[in-house]
Amino acid sequence: MTIYGIKTCGSVKKAFSFFKEKGTEYEFFDFKKDSVDEEKIREWLKQVDLKILLNNKGTKYRTLGLSKMDLSDEEKIQWLVKENMLIKRPVIEFDGKVIIGFNEEEYKDIF
């Protein structure tokens, strides 16, 4: 299992706590230290909708003024590649699945 995100994100912290409580081991991919490439983002988009993966409520989205731009889906993907902080967190890869965000009830069902 791999958790993608940043350590200071509230949702990522909740995911860490959840998995620690369950005794589940995971690898952590820190968006502040490394970035995911276009291939990885497109791989995720085979399972999740772009509207779910793109965090349009975050600070980075507002700072970049993306809400004022009429972006195509392809342009949104390019922004995700360029600015990984636009990716909703956490992204969890587990058993061939991709799970976006933290939802304790969903986590209980899956893990």
N, C-alpha and C. Protein backbone atom coordinates (compact mmCIF):
# COMPACT_ATOMS: atom_id res chain seq x y z
N MET A 1 0.85 -1.17 0.00
CA MET A 1 0.00 0.00 0.00
C MET A 1 0.89 1.23 0.00
N THR A 2 0.48 2.22 -0.79
CA THR A 2 1.19 3.50 -0.83
C THR A 2 0.19 4.61 -0.59
N ILE A 3 0.57 5.53 0.30
CA ILE A 3 -0.22 6.72 0.55
C ILE A 3 0.53 7.90 -0.05
N TYR A 4 -0.17 8.66 -0.90
CA TYR A 4 0.40 9.85 -1.53
C TYR A 4 -0.23 11.08 -0.87
N GLY A 5 0.59 12.07 -0.57
CA GLY A 5 0.06 13.30 0.01
C GLY A 5 1.15 14.14 0.61
N ILE A 6 0.77 14.95 1.59
CA ILE A 6 1.73 15.73 2.36
C ILE A 6 1.44 15.51 3.84
N LYS A 7 2.50 15.51 4.65
CA LYS A 7 2.37 15.17 6.07
C LYS A 7 1.50 16.14 6.85
N THR A 8 1.42 17.38 6.39
CA THR A 8 0.67 18.39 7.14
C THR A 8 -0.82 18.43 6.80
N CYS A 9 -1.24 17.66 5.82
CA CYS A 9 -2.64 17.64 5.40
C CYS A 9 -3.49 16.90 6.45
N GLY A 10 -4.58 17.50 6.86
CA GLY A 10 -5.46 16.90 7.85
C GLY A 10 -5.99 15.54 7.44
N SER A 11 -6.40 15.40 6.17
CA SER A 11 -6.93 14.13 5.69
C SER A 11 -5.85 13.05 5.65
N VAL A 12 -4.64 13.43 5.32
CA VAL A 12 -3.53 12.48 5.30
C VAL A 12 -3.23 12.02 6.73
N LYS A 13 -3.26 12.97 7.67
CA LYS A 13 -3.03 12.62 9.08
C LYS A 13 -4.08 11.63 9.58
N LYS A 14 -5.33 11.83 9.17
CA LYS A 14 -6.41 10.91 9.56
C LYS A 14 -6.16 9.52 8.99
N ALA A 15 -5.70 9.48 7.74
CA ALA A 15 -5.39 8.19 7.11
C ALA A 15 -4.24 7.50 7.85
N PHE A 16 -3.20 8.26 8.19
CA PHE A 16 -2.08 7.70 8.96
C PHE A 16 -2.59 7.09 10.26
N SER A 17 -3.41 7.83 10.98
CA SER A 17 -3.96 7.35 12.27
C SER A 17 -4.78 6.08 12.07
N PHE A 18 -5.62 6.10 11.05
CA PHE A 18 -6.47 4.94 10.77
C PHE A 18 -5.61 3.69 10.56
N PHE A 19 -4.59 3.80 9.71
CA PHE A 19 -3.77 2.64 9.39
C PHE A 19 -2.87 2.24 10.55
N LYS A 20 -2.42 3.22 11.33
CA LYS A 20 -1.61 2.90 12.51
C LYS A 20 -2.45 2.11 13.51
N GLU A 21 -3.69 2.55 13.71
CA GLU A 21 -4.61 1.87 14.61
C GLU A 21 -4.86 0.42 14.18
N LYS A 22 -4.93 0.20 12.87
CA LYS A 22 -5.17 -1.13 12.31
C LYS A 22 -3.89 -1.98 12.22
N GLY A 23 -2.74 -1.33 12.46
CA GLY A 23 -1.48 -2.03 12.34
C GLY A 23 -1.10 -2.32 10.90
N THR A 24 -1.62 -1.51 9.98
CA THR A 24 -1.36 -1.69 8.55
C THR A 24 -0.11 -0.93 8.14
N GLU A 25 0.79 -1.62 7.48
CA GLU A 25 2.01 -0.98 7.00
C GLU A 25 1.75 -0.33 5.65
N TYR A 26 2.46 0.77 5.40
CA TYR A 26 2.31 1.49 4.13
C TYR A 26 3.59 2.25 3.82
N GLU A 27 3.73 2.58 2.56
CA GLU A 27 4.80 3.48 2.14
C GLU A 27 4.16 4.85 1.97
N PHE A 28 4.94 5.89 2.22
CA PHE A 28 4.42 7.24 2.06
C PHE A 28 5.19 7.95 0.96
N PHE A 29 4.44 8.55 0.03
CA PHE A 29 5.01 9.34 -1.06
C PHE A 29 4.65 10.79 -0.78
N ASP A 30 5.65 11.59 -0.48
CA ASP A 30 5.44 12.99 -0.08
C ASP A 30 5.52 13.92 -1.29
N PHE A 31 4.39 14.57 -1.61
CA PHE A 31 4.35 15.49 -2.74
C PHE A 31 5.31 16.67 -2.57
N LYS A 32 5.71 16.97 -1.34
CA LYS A 32 6.64 18.08 -1.13
C LYS A 32 8.08 17.69 -1.45
N LYS A 33 8.36 16.38 -1.45
CA LYS A 33 9.72 15.91 -1.73
C LYS A 33 9.87 15.37 -3.15
N ASP A 34 8.83 14.74 -3.65
CA ASP A 34 8.86 14.14 -4.99
C ASP A 34 7.56 14.48 -5.70
N SER A 35 7.55 14.26 -6.99
CA SER A 35 6.29 14.51 -7.70
C SER A 35 5.94 13.30 -8.55
N VAL A 36 4.64 13.09 -8.70
CA VAL A 36 4.19 12.02 -9.57
C VAL A 36 4.15 12.54 -10.99
N ASP A 37 4.38 11.65 -11.92
CA ASP A 37 4.45 12.07 -13.32
C ASP A 37 3.10 11.87 -14.01
N GLU A 38 3.06 12.29 -15.24
CA GLU A 38 1.83 12.21 -16.03
C GLU A 38 1.33 10.77 -16.17
N GLU A 39 2.25 9.84 -16.32
CA GLU A 39 1.86 8.44 -16.47
C GLU A 39 1.10 7.95 -15.24
N LYS A 40 1.59 8.30 -14.05
CA LYS A 40 0.93 7.89 -12.80
C LYS A 40 -0.45 8.54 -12.68
N ILE A 41 -0.55 9.82 -13.01
CA ILE A 41 -1.83 10.52 -12.93
C ILE A 41 -2.84 9.90 -13.90
N ARG A 42 -2.40 9.61 -15.10
CA ARG A 42 -3.31 8.98 -16.07
C ARG A 42 -3.72 7.57 -15.63
N GLU A 43 -2.81 6.88 -14.97
CA GLU A 43 -3.13 5.55 -14.42
C GLU A 43 -4.25 5.69 -13.37
N TRP A 44 -4.14 6.68 -12.48
CA TRP A 44 -5.19 6.91 -11.47
C TRP A 44 -6.52 7.26 -12.14
N LEU A 45 -6.44 8.06 -13.21
CA LEU A 45 -7.66 8.52 -13.88
C LEU A 45 -8.40 7.39 -14.61
N LYS A 46 -7.78 6.25 -14.74
CA LYS A 46 -8.49 5.09 -15.29
C LYS A 46 -9.50 4.55 -14.28
N GLN A 47 -9.28 4.88 -12.99
CA GLN A 47 -10.16 4.39 -11.92
C GLN A 47 -11.00 5.47 -11.26
N VAL A 48 -10.50 6.70 -11.26
CA VAL A 48 -11.24 7.79 -10.59
C VAL A 48 -11.47 8.94 -11.56
N ASP A 49 -12.54 9.63 -11.35
CA ASP A 49 -12.90 10.77 -12.20
C ASP A 49 -11.98 11.95 -11.92
N LEU A 50 -11.70 12.71 -12.95
CA LEU A 50 -10.86 13.90 -12.83
C LEU A 50 -11.44 14.88 -11.80
N LYS A 51 -12.76 14.97 -11.73
CA LYS A 51 -13.41 15.88 -10.77
C LYS A 51 -13.11 15.49 -9.34
N ILE A 52 -12.84 14.21 -9.11
CA ILE A 52 -12.49 13.74 -7.77
C ILE A 52 -11.00 13.94 -7.50
N LEU A 53 -10.17 13.69 -8.49
CA LEU A 53 -8.71 13.79 -8.29
C LEU A 53 -8.24 15.23 -8.16
N LEU A 54 -8.86 16.14 -8.89
CA LEU A 54 -8.45 17.55 -8.86
C LEU A 54 -9.07 18.24 -7.65
N ASN A 55 -8.23 18.73 -6.77
CA ASN A 55 -8.70 19.41 -5.56
C ASN A 55 -8.99 20.87 -5.89
N ASN A 56 -10.24 21.14 -6.24
CA ASN A 56 -10.59 22.52 -6.62
C ASN A 56 -11.04 23.36 -5.42
N LYS A 57 -10.85 22.83 -4.21
CA LYS A 57 -11.17 23.59 -3.01
C LYS A 57 -9.92 24.03 -2.24
N GLY A 58 -8.77 23.61 -2.72
CA GLY A 58 -7.52 23.88 -2.01
C GLY A 58 -6.93 25.24 -2.30
N THR A 59 -5.98 25.59 -1.45
CA THR A 59 -5.28 26.87 -1.56
C THR A 59 -4.56 27.02 -2.89
N LYS A 60 -3.89 25.97 -3.33
CA LYS A 60 -3.11 26.03 -4.58
C LYS A 60 -4.03 26.35 -5.76
N TYR A 61 -5.20 25.74 -5.79
CA TYR A 61 -6.17 25.98 -6.88
C TYR A 61 -6.57 27.45 -6.92
N ARG A 62 -6.86 28.00 -5.75
CA ARG A 62 -7.24 29.42 -5.67
C ARG A 62 -6.07 30.33 -6.02
N THR A 63 -4.91 30.02 -5.47
CA THR A 63 -3.71 30.84 -5.71
C THR A 63 -3.37 30.93 -7.19
N LEU A 64 -3.52 29.83 -7.89
CA LEU A 64 -3.21 29.80 -9.32
C LEU A 64 -4.32 30.43 -10.18
N GLY A 65 -5.46 30.70 -9.56
CA GLY A 65 -6.56 31.31 -10.29
C GLY A 65 -7.22 30.38 -11.31
N LEU A 66 -7.14 29.09 -11.06
CA LEU A 66 -7.65 28.12 -12.03
C LEU A 66 -9.17 28.18 -12.17
N SER A 67 -9.85 28.63 -11.13
CA SER A 67 -11.32 28.71 -11.21
C SER A 67 -11.76 29.75 -12.24
N LYS A 68 -10.89 30.70 -12.53
CA LYS A 68 -11.21 31.76 -13.49
C LYS A 68 -10.89 31.35 -14.92
N MET A 69 -10.24 30.20 -15.07
CA MET A 69 -9.86 29.73 -16.40
C MET A 69 -10.86 28.68 -16.87
N ASP A 70 -11.16 28.68 -18.13
CA ASP A 70 -12.05 27.67 -18.70
C ASP A 70 -11.18 26.54 -19.24
N LEU A 71 -10.76 25.64 -18.32
CA LEU A 71 -9.81 24.60 -18.67
C LEU A 71 -10.49 23.35 -19.20
N SER A 72 -9.92 22.79 -20.23
CA SER A 72 -10.39 21.49 -20.73
C SER A 72 -9.88 20.42 -19.76
N ASP A 73 -10.41 19.21 -19.88
CA ASP A 73 -9.92 18.12 -19.03
C ASP A 73 -8.44 17.88 -19.24
N GLU A 74 -8.00 17.95 -20.48
CA GLU A 74 -6.58 17.75 -20.78
C GLU A 74 -5.72 18.82 -20.12
N GLU A 75 -6.18 20.06 -20.13
CA GLU A 75 -5.43 21.14 -19.47
C GLU A 75 -5.40 20.93 -17.95
N LYS A 76 -6.48 20.44 -17.40
CA LYS A 76 -6.52 20.14 -15.96
C LYS A 76 -5.50 19.06 -15.61
N ILE A 77 -5.42 18.05 -16.46
CA ILE A 77 -4.44 16.98 -16.24
C ILE A 77 -3.02 17.54 -16.27
N GLN A 78 -2.76 18.42 -17.23
CA GLN A 78 -1.43 19.02 -17.31
C GLN A 78 -1.11 19.85 -16.07
N TRP A 79 -2.12 20.52 -15.52
CA TRP A 79 -1.92 21.26 -14.25
C TRP A 79 -1.61 20.30 -13.11
N LEU A 80 -2.28 19.15 -13.06
CA LEU A 80 -2.00 18.16 -12.02
C LEU A 80 -0.56 17.67 -12.11
N VAL A 81 -0.08 17.49 -13.34
CA VAL A 81 1.30 17.05 -13.55
C VAL A 81 2.28 18.13 -13.09
N LYS A 82 1.99 19.36 -13.45
CA LYS A 82 2.86 20.49 -13.12
C LYS A 82 2.83 20.84 -11.64
N GLU A 83 1.65 20.72 -11.04
CA GLU A 83 1.45 21.11 -9.63
C GLU A 83 0.76 19.98 -8.88
N ASN A 84 1.57 19.05 -8.34
CA ASN A 84 0.99 17.92 -7.62
C ASN A 84 0.17 18.34 -6.40
N MET A 85 0.36 19.54 -5.92
CA MET A 85 -0.41 20.02 -4.78
C MET A 85 -1.89 20.23 -5.16
N LEU A 86 -2.21 20.14 -6.44
CA LEU A 86 -3.60 20.22 -6.88
C LEU A 86 -4.32 18.87 -6.77
N ILE A 87 -3.58 17.83 -6.42
CA ILE A 87 -4.16 16.49 -6.29
C ILE A 87 -4.83 16.38 -4.92
N LYS A 88 -6.08 15.93 -4.93
CA LYS A 88 -6.79 15.73 -3.67
C LYS A 88 -6.09 14.64 -2.86
N ARG A 89 -6.00 14.87 -1.56
CA ARG A 89 -5.24 13.96 -0.71
C ARG A 89 -6.12 13.33 0.36
N PRO A 90 -5.67 12.18 0.83
CA PRO A 90 -4.61 11.33 0.29
C PRO A 90 -5.07 10.55 -0.93
N VAL A 91 -4.10 10.11 -1.71
CA VAL A 91 -4.34 9.13 -2.76
C VAL A 91 -3.74 7.83 -2.23
N ILE A 92 -4.54 6.78 -2.21
CA ILE A 92 -4.07 5.51 -1.70
C ILE A 92 -4.14 4.46 -2.80
N GLU A 93 -3.01 3.82 -3.02
CA GLU A 93 -2.96 2.69 -3.93
C GLU A 93 -2.93 1.43 -3.07
N PHE A 94 -3.93 0.57 -3.29
CA PHE A 94 -4.03 -0.64 -2.47
C PHE A 94 -4.66 -1.75 -3.29
N ASP A 95 -3.94 -2.84 -3.43
CA ASP A 95 -4.49 -4.03 -4.06
C ASP A 95 -5.06 -3.73 -5.46
N GLY A 96 -4.33 -2.91 -6.23
CA GLY A 96 -4.76 -2.58 -7.58
C GLY A 96 -5.83 -1.51 -7.67
N LYS A 97 -6.23 -0.97 -6.51
CA LYS A 97 -7.27 0.06 -6.48
C LYS A 97 -6.66 1.41 -6.14
N VAL A 98 -7.40 2.46 -6.50
CA VAL A 98 -7.02 3.83 -6.15
C VAL A 98 -8.16 4.43 -5.35
N ILE A 99 -7.84 4.91 -4.15
CA ILE A 99 -8.84 5.53 -3.28
C ILE A 99 -8.40 6.97 -3.04
N ILE A 100 -9.33 7.92 -3.22
CA ILE A 100 -9.01 9.34 -3.08
C ILE A 100 -9.72 9.90 -1.86
N GLY A 101 -8.97 10.67 -1.07
CA GLY A 101 -9.55 11.34 0.09
C GLY A 101 -9.66 10.41 1.29
N PHE A 102 -10.12 10.97 2.41
CA PHE A 102 -10.30 10.17 3.62
C PHE A 102 -11.78 10.10 3.95
N ASN A 103 -12.27 8.87 4.06
CA ASN A 103 -13.63 8.61 4.48
C ASN A 103 -13.57 7.37 5.36
N GLU A 104 -13.72 7.58 6.67
CA GLU A 104 -13.51 6.49 7.61
C GLU A 104 -14.42 5.30 7.34
N GLU A 105 -15.67 5.54 7.03
CA GLU A 105 -16.60 4.44 6.77
C GLU A 105 -16.17 3.65 5.53
N GLU A 106 -15.79 4.36 4.48
CA GLU A 106 -15.30 3.69 3.27
C GLU A 106 -14.03 2.89 3.58
N TYR A 107 -13.14 3.48 4.36
CA TYR A 107 -11.90 2.79 4.73
C TYR A 107 -12.21 1.50 5.49
N LYS A 108 -13.17 1.54 6.40
CA LYS A 108 -13.53 0.35 7.17
C LYS A 108 -14.01 -0.76 6.26
N ASP A 109 -14.75 -0.40 5.23
CA ASP A 109 -15.26 -1.38 4.27
C ASP A 109 -14.13 -1.97 3.42
N ILE A 110 -13.20 -1.13 3.02
CA ILE A 110 -12.13 -1.55 2.10
C ILE A 110 -10.99 -2.26 2.83
N PHE A 111 -10.59 -1.70 3.97
CA PHE A 111 -9.41 -2.22 4.66
C PHE A 111 -9.81 -3.02 5.88
